[in-house]
């Protein structure tokens, strides 16, 4: 055939491939009938809006309960401040660690859609039981309007209900967010950019639900009854679940392929078995499937953790690879996926002190508000938990500013389609969290000074809006760090582990809640020995200002560690129709913090 005709035929074939890529989604996802999805009728915003809607309803319900939990425990169940703070931290810790189990089940067995559906039903059962604990006479806290001592049956049912909500959250949170991000095709340039915006708008929807939860729901708790608020949260969650089910024809689904941990173990066993083999000088000598027959995306070889590369050394050239034991040979992509998981661990550890500072906004910040003047206008009292709404406002402002102003400017300046690297975004959030703790310490010192000047009236002469700066700065910190952590743990884990990736993000907050409880215990013990504990019977006999300074110092010291970890980090590098040896991009694969 003449060269011109060959070129023309190749051009036509290329056009056909491009047309197919625009018509079909070829990223291993399927539609609700198990077929290859149409790009025009599935996924992207038309699907993710249904998913954001159920997140809005779930967060409204969750924060309506979570932000008032410490008040309920101290006023209705009559726990003291230390016990109540530990109870809240324990519940929050379980709630944010349960997603590790839920994410594993979603990735390995049920799939994300069905995990969300089942866990949302469990969540709804918890809300229903919480409502019953208030309205069913035999389950109520007590028969009088004011409970001097709660009935044990109420306490048992109450804790059973909120831990059912924890179990529901365990499946709901990691699966829903990763399911939302799955609606965008990573191999399609336009959809990939939209996915980067998805996490920002996901968090805007989350914060909108949070804002209504800590204002409307909390107001009903304060001025009507706890039971009426429980009815509202139950109805909202039920309606949100219905909306999620209605969106089923528009979703793109990932079929679960068994435990994502098994291939990791196979890589480790194969690498140990071949530990005495010399390391190849050329990465092209390592085994990789041809892109045409590979299932899913292929990853480029990286130079870190080279010991694991030995798992991809081919020993038997006569037997087809598919007939060889996966415990003796792994392809480069499996090896790189193992490296990704190991690389995540230092980032996870370096994020824990930030998580400890986040834990204070749902415990001590709210208890501070109960001691201050919350009256505005003609006798209207702001519920203490509504102060947390300012954190949501700060987060919405920072996310909108980042998405609409900062990212376009930085894209032009750096040439990076994200604007800045994910770990840089997280580091900026950590800086704001240090500022949060410093401001919180100064405000608490001021409040204790007012109490000392007028012990009778206490800090009731001090407006609750003194807490606005620390709450808003905390929201800005969350807008950078928490959203960055979500995107990082979704994007930088193997494609088969993305629900688990979101669970890793949530486990940062969960582990930080337990560490916060442990830190309170240690500080209480040490300071009590020195004469006066920083955690007294109530807020006025405590020295939370010193505790906030301690947290500011802890996060600041950790930031230096985080910068070292981030600068050494190599980002996930997906093959774009190139050979293994051509994947290296030098500094572009590195983080520059």
Protein backbone atom coordinates (compact mmCIF):
# COMPACT_ATOMS: atom_id res chain seq x y z
CA UNK A 1 0.00 0.00 0.00
CA UNK A 2 1.25 3.50 -0.81
CA UNK A 3 2.52 5.62 2.15
CA UNK A 4 -0.17 8.27 1.64
CA UNK A 5 -2.95 5.64 1.75
CA UNK A 6 -1.44 4.07 4.88
CA UNK A 7 -1.34 7.48 6.57
CA UNK A 8 -4.92 8.18 5.51
CA UNK A 9 -6.09 4.82 6.86
CA UNK A 10 -4.25 5.42 10.13
CA UNK A 11 -5.86 8.84 10.38
CA UNK A 12 -9.32 7.35 9.87
CA UNK A 13 -8.65 4.66 12.49
CA UNK A 14 -7.45 7.33 14.90
CA UNK A 15 -10.66 9.32 14.30
CA UNK A 16 -12.72 6.17 14.95
CA UNK A 17 -10.87 5.55 18.23
CA UNK A 18 -11.42 9.19 19.28
CA UNK A 19 -15.12 8.89 18.38
CA UNK A 20 -15.41 5.70 20.46
CA UNK A 21 -13.69 7.37 23.41
CA UNK A 22 -16.16 10.23 23.23
CA UNK A 23 -19.16 7.89 22.90
CA UNK A 24 -18.20 5.20 25.44
CA UNK A 25 -16.52 5.22 28.86
CA UNK A 26 -13.65 2.70 28.68
CA UNK A 27 -12.30 2.92 32.25
CA UNK A 28 -13.56 -0.51 33.43
CA UNK A 29 -16.81 0.95 34.76
CA UNK A 30 -20.28 -0.34 33.82
CA UNK A 31 -23.80 1.09 33.81
CA UNK A 32 -26.67 -0.14 36.01
CA UNK A 33 -27.32 -3.02 33.57
CA UNK A 34 -23.68 -4.16 33.53
CA UNK A 35 -22.88 -2.72 30.07
CA UNK A 36 -20.14 -0.31 28.96
CA UNK A 37 -21.58 3.14 29.86
CA UNK A 38 -22.55 5.85 27.38
CA UNK A 39 -20.49 8.96 28.17
CA UNK A 40 -23.35 11.32 27.33
CA UNK A 41 -26.01 9.70 29.55
CA UNK A 42 -24.04 8.58 32.60
CA UNK A 43 -21.63 9.95 35.15
CA UNK A 44 -20.10 13.42 35.55
CA UNK A 45 -22.30 16.08 37.22
CA UNK A 46 -25.62 14.54 36.16
CA UNK A 47 -24.80 11.55 38.42
CA UNK A 48 -22.67 13.19 41.11
CA UNK A 49 -25.42 15.70 42.02
CA UNK A 50 -27.56 12.80 43.29
CA UNK A 51 -24.57 11.62 45.32
CA UNK A 52 -23.86 15.09 46.73
CA UNK A 53 -27.57 15.30 47.69
CA UNK A 54 -27.40 12.25 49.98
CA UNK A 55 -24.13 13.55 51.45
CA UNK A 56 -25.92 16.85 52.22
CA UNK A 57 -28.71 14.99 54.05
CA UNK A 58 -26.36 12.65 55.91
CA UNK A 59 -24.10 15.48 57.10
CA UNK A 60 -27.13 17.51 58.25
CA UNK A 61 -28.23 14.53 60.35
CA UNK A 62 -24.74 13.66 61.57
CA UNK A 63 -23.68 17.14 62.67
CA UNK A 64 -27.10 17.84 64.18
CA UNK A 65 -26.23 14.97 66.54
CA UNK A 66 -22.42 15.24 66.79
CA UNK A 67 -22.11 18.94 67.64
CA UNK A 68 -24.68 18.74 70.45
CA UNK A 69 -23.50 15.39 71.78
CA UNK A 70 -21.30 16.87 74.51
CA UNK A 71 -24.20 19.07 75.65
CA UNK A 72 -26.62 16.11 75.72
CA UNK A 73 -24.12 14.02 77.70
CA UNK A 74 -23.58 16.75 80.29
CA UNK A 75 -27.18 18.08 80.56
CA UNK A 76 -29.33 14.96 80.06
CA UNK A 77 -27.04 12.06 80.97
CA UNK A 78 -25.11 14.22 83.51
CA UNK A 79 -21.56 13.22 82.68
CA UNK A 80 -18.83 15.58 83.91
CA UNK A 81 -16.76 17.60 81.38
CA UNK A 82 -13.80 15.18 81.20
CA UNK A 83 -16.00 12.08 80.86
CA UNK A 84 -18.24 13.73 78.27
CA UNK A 85 -15.25 14.92 76.20
CA UNK A 86 -13.80 11.39 76.28
CA UNK A 87 -17.20 9.87 75.33
CA UNK A 88 -17.47 12.25 72.36
CA UNK A 89 -13.89 11.57 71.26
CA UNK A 90 -14.44 7.81 71.58
CA UNK A 91 -17.65 7.90 69.53
CA UNK A 92 -16.03 10.19 66.93
CA UNK A 93 -13.01 7.90 66.83
CA UNK A 94 -15.11 4.77 66.23
CA UNK A 95 -17.21 6.64 63.65
CA UNK A 96 -14.13 7.64 61.67
CA UNK A 97 -12.28 4.31 62.03
CA UNK A 98 -15.24 2.10 61.03
CA UNK A 99 -14.83 3.25 57.38
CA UNK A 100 -11.69 1.08 57.19
CA UNK A 101 -13.95 -1.97 57.41
CA UNK A 102 -16.69 -0.41 55.27
CA UNK A 103 -14.21 0.65 52.58
CA UNK A 104 -12.69 -2.83 52.43
CA UNK A 105 -16.12 -4.47 52.04
CA UNK A 106 -17.04 -1.98 49.28
CA UNK A 107 -13.83 -2.49 47.30
CA UNK A 108 -13.63 -6.25 47.73
CA UNK A 109 -17.18 -7.63 47.79
CA UNK A 110 -20.32 -5.47 47.71
CA UNK A 111 -19.30 -2.61 45.44
CA UNK A 112 -19.72 1.06 46.35
CA UNK A 113 -23.38 1.55 45.41
CA UNK A 114 -24.66 -1.43 47.43
CA UNK A 115 -22.42 -0.60 50.39
CA UNK A 116 -23.86 2.93 50.47
CA UNK A 117 -27.41 1.57 50.23
CA UNK A 118 -27.04 -1.05 53.01
CA UNK A 119 -25.10 1.24 55.35
CA UNK A 120 -27.61 4.08 54.85
CA UNK A 121 -30.40 1.72 55.95
CA UNK A 122 -28.40 0.86 59.10
CA UNK A 123 -27.86 4.60 59.64
CA UNK A 124 -31.61 5.17 59.31
CA UNK A 125 -32.28 2.43 61.89
CA UNK A 126 -29.95 4.23 64.32
CA UNK A 127 -31.80 7.51 63.80
CA UNK A 128 -35.12 5.75 64.30
CA UNK A 129 -33.92 4.21 67.58
CA UNK A 130 -32.63 7.62 68.71
CA UNK A 131 -36.09 9.09 68.05
CA UNK A 132 -37.75 6.24 69.98
CA UNK A 133 -35.42 6.81 72.96
CA UNK A 134 -37.06 10.20 73.42
CA UNK A 135 -40.73 9.48 72.63
CA UNK A 136 -41.32 5.92 73.90
CA UNK A 137 -42.18 6.32 77.63
CA UNK A 138 -40.29 3.21 78.75
CA UNK A 139 -37.12 4.40 76.99
CA UNK A 140 -37.14 8.08 78.00
CA UNK A 141 -34.33 9.60 80.06
CA UNK A 142 -36.75 10.27 82.92
CA UNK A 143 -40.43 11.08 83.50
CA UNK A 144 -39.84 14.64 84.73
CA UNK A 145 -39.09 17.64 82.47
CA UNK A 146 -35.62 18.02 84.04
CA UNK A 147 -33.56 14.87 84.55
CA UNK A 148 -31.58 14.89 87.77
CA UNK A 149 -30.45 11.35 87.08
CA UNK A 150 -31.13 9.51 83.78
CA UNK A 151 -32.60 6.02 83.64
CA UNK A 152 -30.11 3.32 82.73
CA UNK A 153 -32.34 1.94 79.94
CA UNK A 154 -32.26 5.34 78.20
CA UNK A 155 -28.49 5.48 78.43
CA UNK A 156 -28.15 1.99 76.91
CA UNK A 157 -30.60 2.68 74.06
CA UNK A 158 -29.06 6.11 73.40
CA UNK A 159 -25.52 4.73 73.06
CA UNK A 160 -26.78 1.77 70.99
CA UNK A 161 -28.47 4.23 68.61
CA UNK A 162 -25.45 6.50 68.13
CA UNK A 163 -23.14 3.52 67.61
CA UNK A 164 -25.55 2.14 64.99
CA UNK A 165 -25.10 5.51 63.29
CA UNK A 166 -21.32 4.92 63.58
CA UNK A 167 -21.66 1.56 61.81
CA UNK A 168 -23.82 3.17 59.10
CA UNK A 169 -21.28 5.95 58.65
CA UNK A 170 -18.55 3.31 58.38
CA UNK A 171 -19.97 2.03 55.11
CA UNK A 172 -21.56 5.25 53.89
CA UNK A 173 -18.66 7.72 54.08
CA UNK A 174 -15.81 5.96 52.24
CA UNK A 175 -18.06 4.37 49.62
CA UNK A 176 -20.16 7.44 48.80
CA UNK A 177 -17.28 9.86 48.25
CA UNK A 178 -15.28 7.40 46.15
CA UNK A 179 -18.48 6.47 44.26
CA UNK A 180 -18.96 10.17 43.48
CA UNK A 181 -15.39 10.53 42.21
CA UNK A 182 -15.85 7.35 40.12
CA UNK A 183 -18.36 9.24 37.98
CA UNK A 184 -15.45 11.02 36.25
CA UNK A 185 -13.14 9.26 33.77
CA UNK A 186 -9.44 9.76 34.60
CA UNK A 187 -8.43 9.02 30.99
CA UNK A 188 -10.65 11.78 29.57
CA UNK A 189 -8.95 15.19 29.85
CA UNK A 190 -12.15 17.19 30.35
CA UNK A 191 -13.62 14.79 32.90
CA UNK A 192 -10.29 14.62 34.76
CA UNK A 193 -10.39 18.39 35.33
CA UNK A 194 -13.99 18.15 36.51
CA UNK A 195 -12.96 15.45 39.01
CA UNK A 196 -10.48 17.91 40.56
CA UNK A 197 -13.42 20.29 41.08
CA UNK A 198 -15.62 17.47 42.41
CA UNK A 199 -13.87 17.30 45.80
CA UNK A 200 -14.31 21.07 46.25
CA UNK A 201 -18.03 21.02 45.43
CA UNK A 202 -18.49 17.80 47.41
CA UNK A 203 -17.25 19.65 50.47
CA UNK A 204 -19.44 22.67 49.69
CA UNK A 205 -22.48 20.35 49.75
CA UNK A 206 -21.16 18.73 52.92
CA UNK A 207 -20.72 22.13 54.60
CA UNK A 208 -24.19 23.27 53.55
CA UNK A 209 -25.69 20.23 55.28
CA UNK A 210 -23.43 20.81 58.27
CA UNK A 211 -24.52 24.46 58.45
CA UNK A 212 -28.21 23.55 58.55
CA UNK A 213 -27.48 20.78 61.05
CA UNK A 214 -25.75 23.11 63.52
CA UNK A 215 -28.31 25.91 63.12
CA UNK A 216 -31.82 24.60 62.35
CA UNK A 217 -31.50 21.15 64.00
CA UNK A 218 -29.59 22.50 67.00
CA UNK A 219 -32.12 25.34 67.42
CA UNK A 220 -34.94 22.77 67.53
CA UNK A 221 -32.98 20.78 70.14
CA UNK A 222 -32.55 23.89 72.26
CA UNK A 223 -36.00 25.49 71.92
CA UNK A 224 -38.42 22.64 71.08
CA UNK A 225 -37.05 19.25 72.17
CA UNK A 226 -34.34 16.73 71.43
CA UNK A 227 -37.01 14.36 70.12
CA UNK A 228 -38.35 16.85 67.56
CA UNK A 229 -34.81 17.32 66.25
CA UNK A 230 -34.41 13.53 65.95
CA UNK A 231 -37.61 13.36 63.86
CA UNK A 232 -36.20 16.01 61.49
CA UNK A 233 -32.87 14.21 61.03
CA UNK A 234 -34.64 10.88 60.42
CA UNK A 235 -36.95 12.36 57.75
CA UNK A 236 -34.08 14.19 56.01
CA UNK A 237 -31.99 11.01 55.87
CA UNK A 238 -34.91 8.98 54.51
CA UNK A 239 -35.61 11.55 51.74
CA UNK A 240 -31.89 11.72 50.87
CA UNK A 241 -31.72 7.93 50.54
CA UNK A 242 -34.73 8.01 48.19
CA UNK A 243 -33.01 10.64 46.01
CA UNK A 244 -29.88 8.49 45.88
CA UNK A 245 -31.89 5.47 44.68
CA UNK A 246 -33.65 7.57 41.99
CA UNK A 247 -30.25 8.44 40.49
CA UNK A 248 -29.37 4.76 39.89
CA UNK A 249 -29.74 4.79 36.04
CA UNK A 250 -27.26 7.69 35.76
CA UNK A 251 -24.40 6.18 37.77
CA UNK A 252 -21.21 4.47 36.60
CA UNK A 253 -20.31 1.42 38.68
CA UNK A 254 -17.03 -0.37 39.44
CA UNK A 255 -17.31 -4.15 39.74
CA UNK A 256 -15.53 -5.41 42.92
CA UNK A 257 -12.64 -7.77 42.13
CA UNK A 258 -11.96 -9.41 45.48
CA UNK A 259 -9.65 -8.35 48.26
CA UNK A 260 -7.27 -5.55 47.15
CA UNK A 261 -4.89 -6.65 49.92
CA UNK A 262 -4.11 -10.06 48.37
CA UNK A 263 -2.08 -8.65 45.41
CA UNK A 264 -0.08 -6.54 47.92
CA UNK A 265 0.81 -9.66 49.89
CA UNK A 266 1.70 -11.51 46.68
CA UNK A 267 4.18 -8.75 45.73
CA UNK A 268 5.81 -8.91 49.15
CA UNK A 269 6.11 -12.73 49.09
CA UNK A 270 7.52 -12.71 45.53
CA UNK A 271 10.06 -9.99 46.37
CA UNK A 272 11.26 -11.91 49.45
CA UNK A 273 11.48 -15.17 47.47
CA UNK A 274 13.70 -13.47 44.82
CA UNK A 275 15.68 -11.31 47.26
CA UNK A 276 19.04 -12.83 46.13
CA UNK A 277 18.52 -12.00 42.44
CA UNK A 278 20.43 -8.96 41.09
CA UNK A 279 18.35 -5.84 40.46
CA UNK A 280 17.95 -5.15 36.70
CA UNK A 281 19.84 -2.08 35.47
CA UNK A 282 17.07 -1.35 32.94
CA UNK A 283 13.44 -1.15 34.21
CA UNK A 284 12.25 -2.46 30.82
CA UNK A 285 13.59 -5.85 31.93
CA UNK A 286 10.86 -5.99 34.60
CA UNK A 287 7.66 -7.76 33.60
CA UNK A 288 4.60 -5.74 32.59
CA UNK A 289 1.49 -6.70 30.64
CA UNK A 290 1.05 -5.05 27.22
CA UNK A 291 -1.38 -2.17 27.47
CA UNK A 292 -3.70 -3.85 24.96
CA UNK A 293 -4.38 -6.82 27.27
CA UNK A 294 -4.02 -5.10 30.67
CA UNK A 295 -7.09 -4.91 32.87
CA UNK A 296 -7.25 -1.35 34.19
CA UNK A 297 -4.64 1.41 34.12
CA UNK A 298 -0.91 0.63 34.11
CA UNK A 299 1.50 2.49 36.39
CA UNK A 300 5.00 3.67 35.54
CA UNK A 301 8.02 2.27 37.34
CA UNK A 302 9.51 4.45 40.11
CA UNK A 303 12.97 4.27 41.69
CA UNK A 304 11.94 4.20 45.35
CA UNK A 305 11.60 0.97 47.39
CA UNK A 306 13.61 -0.89 44.74
CA UNK A 307 13.65 -4.09 46.81
CA UNK A 308 10.02 -4.66 45.78
CA UNK A 309 10.98 -4.50 42.07
CA UNK A 310 12.40 -8.01 42.36
CA UNK A 311 8.83 -9.32 42.46
CA UNK A 312 8.58 -8.31 38.75
CA UNK A 313 11.74 -10.15 37.64
CA UNK A 314 10.75 -12.93 35.23
CA UNK A 315 12.59 -16.20 35.97
CA UNK A 316 10.71 -18.68 33.78
CA UNK A 317 10.61 -17.46 30.16
CA UNK A 318 9.14 -20.70 28.76
CA UNK A 319 5.88 -20.93 30.77
CA UNK A 320 3.27 -18.25 29.93
CA UNK A 321 3.01 -15.69 32.74
CA UNK A 322 -0.72 -16.34 33.20
CA UNK A 323 0.11 -19.95 34.11
CA UNK A 324 2.77 -18.99 36.66
CA UNK A 325 1.95 -18.53 40.35
CA UNK A 326 1.04 -14.91 41.29
CA UNK A 327 3.05 -15.56 44.47
CA UNK A 328 6.22 -15.83 42.33
CA UNK A 329 5.74 -13.15 39.65
CA UNK A 330 4.00 -9.76 39.72
CA UNK A 331 3.79 -7.11 37.02
CA UNK A 332 5.25 -3.61 37.48
CA UNK A 333 1.81 -2.10 38.13
CA UNK A 334 1.17 -4.43 41.10
CA UNK A 335 4.61 -3.60 42.48
CA UNK A 336 3.96 0.13 42.12
CA UNK A 337 0.58 -0.26 43.83
CA UNK A 338 2.36 -1.83 46.79
CA UNK A 339 4.76 1.13 46.82
CA UNK A 340 1.82 3.55 46.77
CA UNK A 341 0.32 1.98 49.90
CA UNK A 342 3.67 2.08 51.72
CA UNK A 343 4.23 5.72 50.65
CA UNK A 344 0.88 6.71 52.15
CA UNK A 345 1.90 5.66 55.69
CA UNK A 346 4.31 8.58 56.46
CA UNK A 347 1.77 11.12 55.15
CA UNK A 348 -0.95 9.50 57.30
CA UNK A 349 1.23 9.70 60.42
CA UNK A 350 2.30 13.28 59.71
CA UNK A 351 -1.38 14.33 59.45
CA UNK A 352 -2.37 13.12 62.94
CA UNK A 353 -1.43 16.29 64.92
CA UNK A 354 -3.57 18.33 62.52
CA UNK A 355 -6.43 15.88 63.22
CA UNK A 356 -6.02 16.45 66.97
CA UNK A 357 -6.50 20.20 66.50
CA UNK A 358 -9.63 19.51 64.37
CA UNK A 359 -11.11 17.42 67.23
CA UNK A 360 -11.30 20.47 69.51
CA UNK A 361 -13.92 22.24 67.38
CA UNK A 362 -16.64 19.69 68.29
CA UNK A 363 -15.79 19.50 71.99
CA UNK A 364 -14.12 22.38 73.84
CA UNK A 365 -15.07 25.13 71.35
CA UNK A 366 -18.74 24.28 71.92
CA UNK A 367 -18.36 24.07 75.69
CA UNK A 368 -16.72 27.53 75.59
CA UNK A 369 -19.84 28.85 73.85
CA UNK A 370 -22.10 27.57 76.67
CA UNK A 371 -20.37 29.92 79.15
CA UNK A 372 -20.66 33.10 77.03
CA UNK A 373 -23.35 35.62 76.12
CA UNK A 374 -25.27 34.05 73.22
CA UNK A 375 -28.07 36.61 73.04
CA UNK A 376 -28.62 38.63 69.86
CA UNK A 377 -31.47 40.90 68.85
CA UNK A 378 -34.58 40.83 71.02
CA UNK A 379 -33.64 38.01 73.37
CA UNK A 380 -32.82 35.42 70.68
CA UNK A 381 -30.34 32.87 72.07
CA UNK A 382 -27.85 31.25 69.70
CA UNK A 383 -27.54 27.51 70.48
CA UNK A 384 -23.95 26.75 71.61
CA UNK A 385 -23.44 24.10 68.92
CA UNK A 386 -24.34 26.64 66.21
CA UNK A 387 -20.91 28.19 66.74
CA UNK A 388 -19.60 25.21 64.76
CA UNK A 389 -21.54 26.64 61.80
CA UNK A 390 -18.90 29.35 61.51
CA UNK A 391 -16.36 26.62 60.78
CA UNK A 392 -18.55 25.49 57.87
CA UNK A 393 -18.80 29.10 56.65
CA UNK A 394 -15.01 29.40 56.74
CA UNK A 395 -14.66 26.15 54.82
CA UNK A 396 -17.19 27.15 52.14
CA UNK A 397 -15.42 30.52 51.68
CA UNK A 398 -11.96 28.92 51.40
CA UNK A 399 -13.11 26.15 49.03
CA UNK A 400 -14.91 28.66 46.76
CA UNK A 401 -11.91 31.01 46.77
CA UNK A 402 -9.57 28.12 46.01
CA UNK A 403 -11.73 26.70 43.19
CA UNK A 404 -12.77 29.94 41.47
CA UNK A 405 -9.77 32.25 41.99
CA UNK A 406 -6.66 30.48 43.24
CA UNK A 407 -6.67 27.39 40.98
CA UNK A 408 -7.11 29.26 37.64
CA UNK A 409 -4.32 31.70 38.58
CA UNK A 410 -1.98 28.93 39.74
CA UNK A 411 -2.70 26.78 36.66
CA UNK A 412 -1.48 29.62 34.45
CA UNK A 413 1.51 30.31 36.70
CA UNK A 414 2.72 26.73 37.28
CA UNK A 415 1.37 24.79 34.30
CA UNK A 416 0.07 22.17 36.78
CA UNK A 417 -3.55 21.22 36.05
CA UNK A 418 -4.25 21.09 39.81
CA UNK A 419 -2.75 24.55 40.36
CA UNK A 420 -0.58 23.31 43.24
CA UNK A 421 0.35 19.81 44.36
CA UNK A 422 -2.04 18.06 46.75
CA UNK A 423 0.50 17.88 49.59
CA UNK A 424 1.20 21.61 49.27
CA UNK A 425 -2.51 22.28 49.77
CA UNK A 426 -2.54 20.12 52.92
CA UNK A 427 0.54 21.94 54.27
CA UNK A 428 -1.19 25.33 53.87
CA UNK A 429 -4.13 23.97 55.88
CA UNK A 430 -1.77 22.89 58.66
CA UNK A 431 -0.41 26.45 58.86
CA UNK A 432 -3.97 27.75 59.34
CA UNK A 433 -4.61 25.13 62.04
CA UNK A 434 -1.63 26.51 64.03
CA UNK A 435 -3.21 29.97 63.74
CA UNK A 436 -6.52 28.48 64.96
CA UNK A 437 -4.96 27.14 68.16
CA UNK A 438 -3.06 30.40 68.82
CA UNK A 439 -6.23 32.50 68.44
CA UNK A 440 -8.24 30.00 70.55
CA UNK A 441 -5.62 30.24 73.34
CA UNK A 442 -5.72 34.05 73.33
CA UNK A 443 -9.55 34.15 73.38
CA UNK A 444 -9.76 31.60 76.22
CA UNK A 445 -7.17 33.59 78.23
CA UNK A 446 -9.35 36.67 77.73
CA UNK A 447 -12.48 34.75 78.83
CA UNK A 448 -10.80 33.46 82.00
CA UNK A 449 -9.68 37.03 82.75
CA UNK A 450 -13.30 38.21 82.55
CA UNK A 451 -14.35 35.38 84.91
CA UNK A 452 -11.62 36.37 87.39
CA UNK A 453 -12.75 40.01 87.36
CA UNK A 454 -16.40 39.14 87.92
CA UNK A 455 -16.77 35.61 89.42
CA UNK A 456 -20.54 36.09 89.97
CA UNK A 457 -21.47 36.85 86.38
CA UNK A 458 -18.54 34.94 84.89
CA UNK A 459 -17.99 35.22 81.14
CA UNK A 460 -21.67 35.89 80.38
CA UNK A 461 -20.67 39.52 79.76
CA UNK A 462 -18.44 38.35 76.90
CA UNK A 463 -20.11 37.86 73.50
CA UNK A 464 -20.02 34.40 71.93
CA UNK A 465 -18.78 36.08 68.75
CA UNK A 466 -15.34 36.24 70.34
CA UNK A 467 -15.20 32.59 69.19
CA UNK A 468 -15.86 33.59 65.56
CA UNK A 469 -12.19 34.16 64.54
CA UNK A 470 -10.95 30.75 65.74
CA UNK A 471 -13.98 28.99 64.20
CA UNK A 472 -13.63 30.69 60.80
CA UNK A 473 -9.84 30.14 60.67
CA UNK A 474 -10.48 26.49 61.57
CA UNK A 475 -12.87 26.29 58.59
CA UNK A 476 -10.24 27.80 56.28
CA UNK A 477 -7.74 25.21 57.56
CA UNK A 478 -10.26 22.45 56.81
CA UNK A 479 -10.88 23.87 53.31
CA UNK A 480 -7.22 23.38 52.49
CA UNK A 481 -6.11 20.40 54.59
CA UNK A 482 -9.22 18.20 54.89
CA UNK A 483 -10.23 18.60 51.24
CA UNK A 484 -6.59 18.02 50.27
CA UNK A 485 -6.45 14.85 52.39
CA UNK A 486 -9.64 13.54 50.76
CA UNK A 487 -8.23 14.11 47.28
CA UNK A 488 -4.83 12.68 48.27
CA UNK A 489 -6.13 9.44 49.76
CA UNK A 490 -8.52 8.90 46.82
CA UNK A 491 -5.99 9.71 44.11
CA UNK A 492 -2.76 8.25 45.49
CA UNK A 493 -3.90 4.72 46.33
CA UNK A 494 -4.37 1.87 43.81
CA UNK A 495 -7.51 2.17 41.69
CA UNK A 496 -8.87 -1.01 43.31
CA UNK A 497 -8.62 0.53 46.81
CA UNK A 498 -10.33 3.89 46.43
CA UNK A 499 -13.04 3.30 49.04
CA UNK A 500 -10.29 2.18 51.40
CA UNK A 501 -8.39 5.32 50.39
CA UNK A 502 -11.23 7.54 51.64
CA UNK A 503 -11.33 5.34 54.75
CA UNK A 504 -7.62 6.08 55.31
CA UNK A 505 -8.47 9.80 55.21
CA UNK A 506 -11.30 9.34 57.72
CA UNK A 507 -9.05 7.22 59.93
CA UNK A 508 -6.72 10.21 60.30
CA UNK A 509 -9.56 12.05 62.06
CA UNK A 510 -10.61 8.90 63.95
CA UNK A 511 -7.15 8.09 65.25
CA UNK A 512 -6.67 11.79 66.08
CA UNK A 513 -9.83 11.72 68.22
CA UNK A 514 -8.46 8.81 70.23
CA UNK A 515 -5.10 10.58 70.51
CA UNK A 516 -6.92 13.70 71.68
CA UNK A 517 -8.60 11.68 74.46
CA UNK A 518 -5.24 10.13 75.38
CA UNK A 519 -3.58 13.56 75.39
CA UNK A 520 -6.31 14.95 77.67
CA UNK A 521 -5.74 12.03 80.09
CA UNK A 522 -1.96 12.50 80.11
CA UNK A 523 -2.11 16.30 80.48
CA UNK A 524 -4.75 15.98 83.21
CA UNK A 525 -2.57 13.50 85.12
CA UNK A 526 0.66 15.52 84.76
CA UNK A 527 -0.85 18.93 85.58
CA UNK A 528 -2.89 17.52 88.49
CA UNK A 529 0.35 16.30 90.05
CA UNK A 530 1.83 19.79 89.73
CA UNK A 531 -0.99 21.30 91.78
CA UNK A 532 -3.85 22.24 89.45
CA UNK A 533 -5.23 20.24 86.53
CA UNK A 534 -5.82 22.04 83.22
CA UNK A 535 -9.18 20.20 83.08
CA UNK A 536 -11.41 21.12 86.01
CA UNK A 537 -15.01 20.27 86.85
CA UNK A 538 -16.24 23.02 84.52
CA UNK A 539 -14.87 25.49 81.97
CA UNK A 540 -14.15 28.24 84.50
CA UNK A 541 -11.96 26.01 86.68
CA UNK A 542 -10.02 24.69 83.64
CA UNK A 543 -7.01 26.13 81.81
CA UNK A 544 -7.87 25.33 78.21
CA UNK A 545 -5.75 28.28 77.05
CA UNK A 546 -2.61 26.36 78.07
CA UNK A 547 -3.92 23.21 76.35
CA UNK A 548 -4.47 25.21 73.13
CA UNK A 549 -0.89 26.55 73.30
CA UNK A 550 0.34 22.98 73.69
CA UNK A 551 -1.59 21.91 70.58
CA UNK A 552 -0.26 24.90 68.60
CA UNK A 553 3.31 23.88 69.50
CA UNK A 554 2.59 20.23 68.64
CA UNK A 555 1.18 21.05 65.18
CA UNK A 556 4.00 23.53 64.48
CA UNK A 557 6.70 20.98 65.38
CA UNK A 558 4.96 18.35 63.26
CA UNK A 559 4.81 20.73 60.28
CA UNK A 560 8.60 20.49 59.92
CA UNK A 561 8.31 16.69 59.80
CA UNK A 562 5.47 16.94 57.27
CA UNK A 563 7.53 19.19 54.96
CA UNK A 564 10.37 16.62 54.92
CA UNK A 565 7.89 13.80 54.13
CA UNK A 566 6.16 15.84 51.41
CA UNK A 567 9.39 16.89 49.70
CA UNK A 568 10.51 13.25 49.42
CA UNK A 569 7.15 12.02 48.13
CA UNK A 570 6.73 10.63 44.59
CA UNK A 571 3.25 10.96 43.12
CA UNK A 572 1.34 8.20 41.34
CA UNK A 573 2.44 8.09 37.70
CA UNK A 574 0.01 6.52 35.22
CA UNK A 575 1.25 5.24 31.84
CA UNK A 576 0.06 7.27 28.86
CA UNK A 577 0.92 4.90 25.98
CA UNK A 578 4.66 4.85 26.74
CA UNK A 579 7.23 2.22 27.65
CA UNK A 580 8.08 1.56 31.29
CA UNK A 581 11.53 3.11 30.92
CA UNK A 582 10.06 6.31 29.43
CA UNK A 583 7.82 7.06 32.40
CA UNK A 584 10.30 9.11 34.43
CA UNK A 585 9.37 12.77 34.57
CA UNK A 586 12.11 14.02 36.88
CA UNK A 587 10.99 16.82 39.13
CA UNK A 588 7.40 16.69 37.88
CA UNK A 589 6.81 13.49 39.87
CA UNK A 590 8.09 15.10 43.05
CA UNK A 591 6.32 17.30 45.56
CA UNK A 592 7.80 20.75 46.14
CA UNK A 593 6.57 22.09 49.47
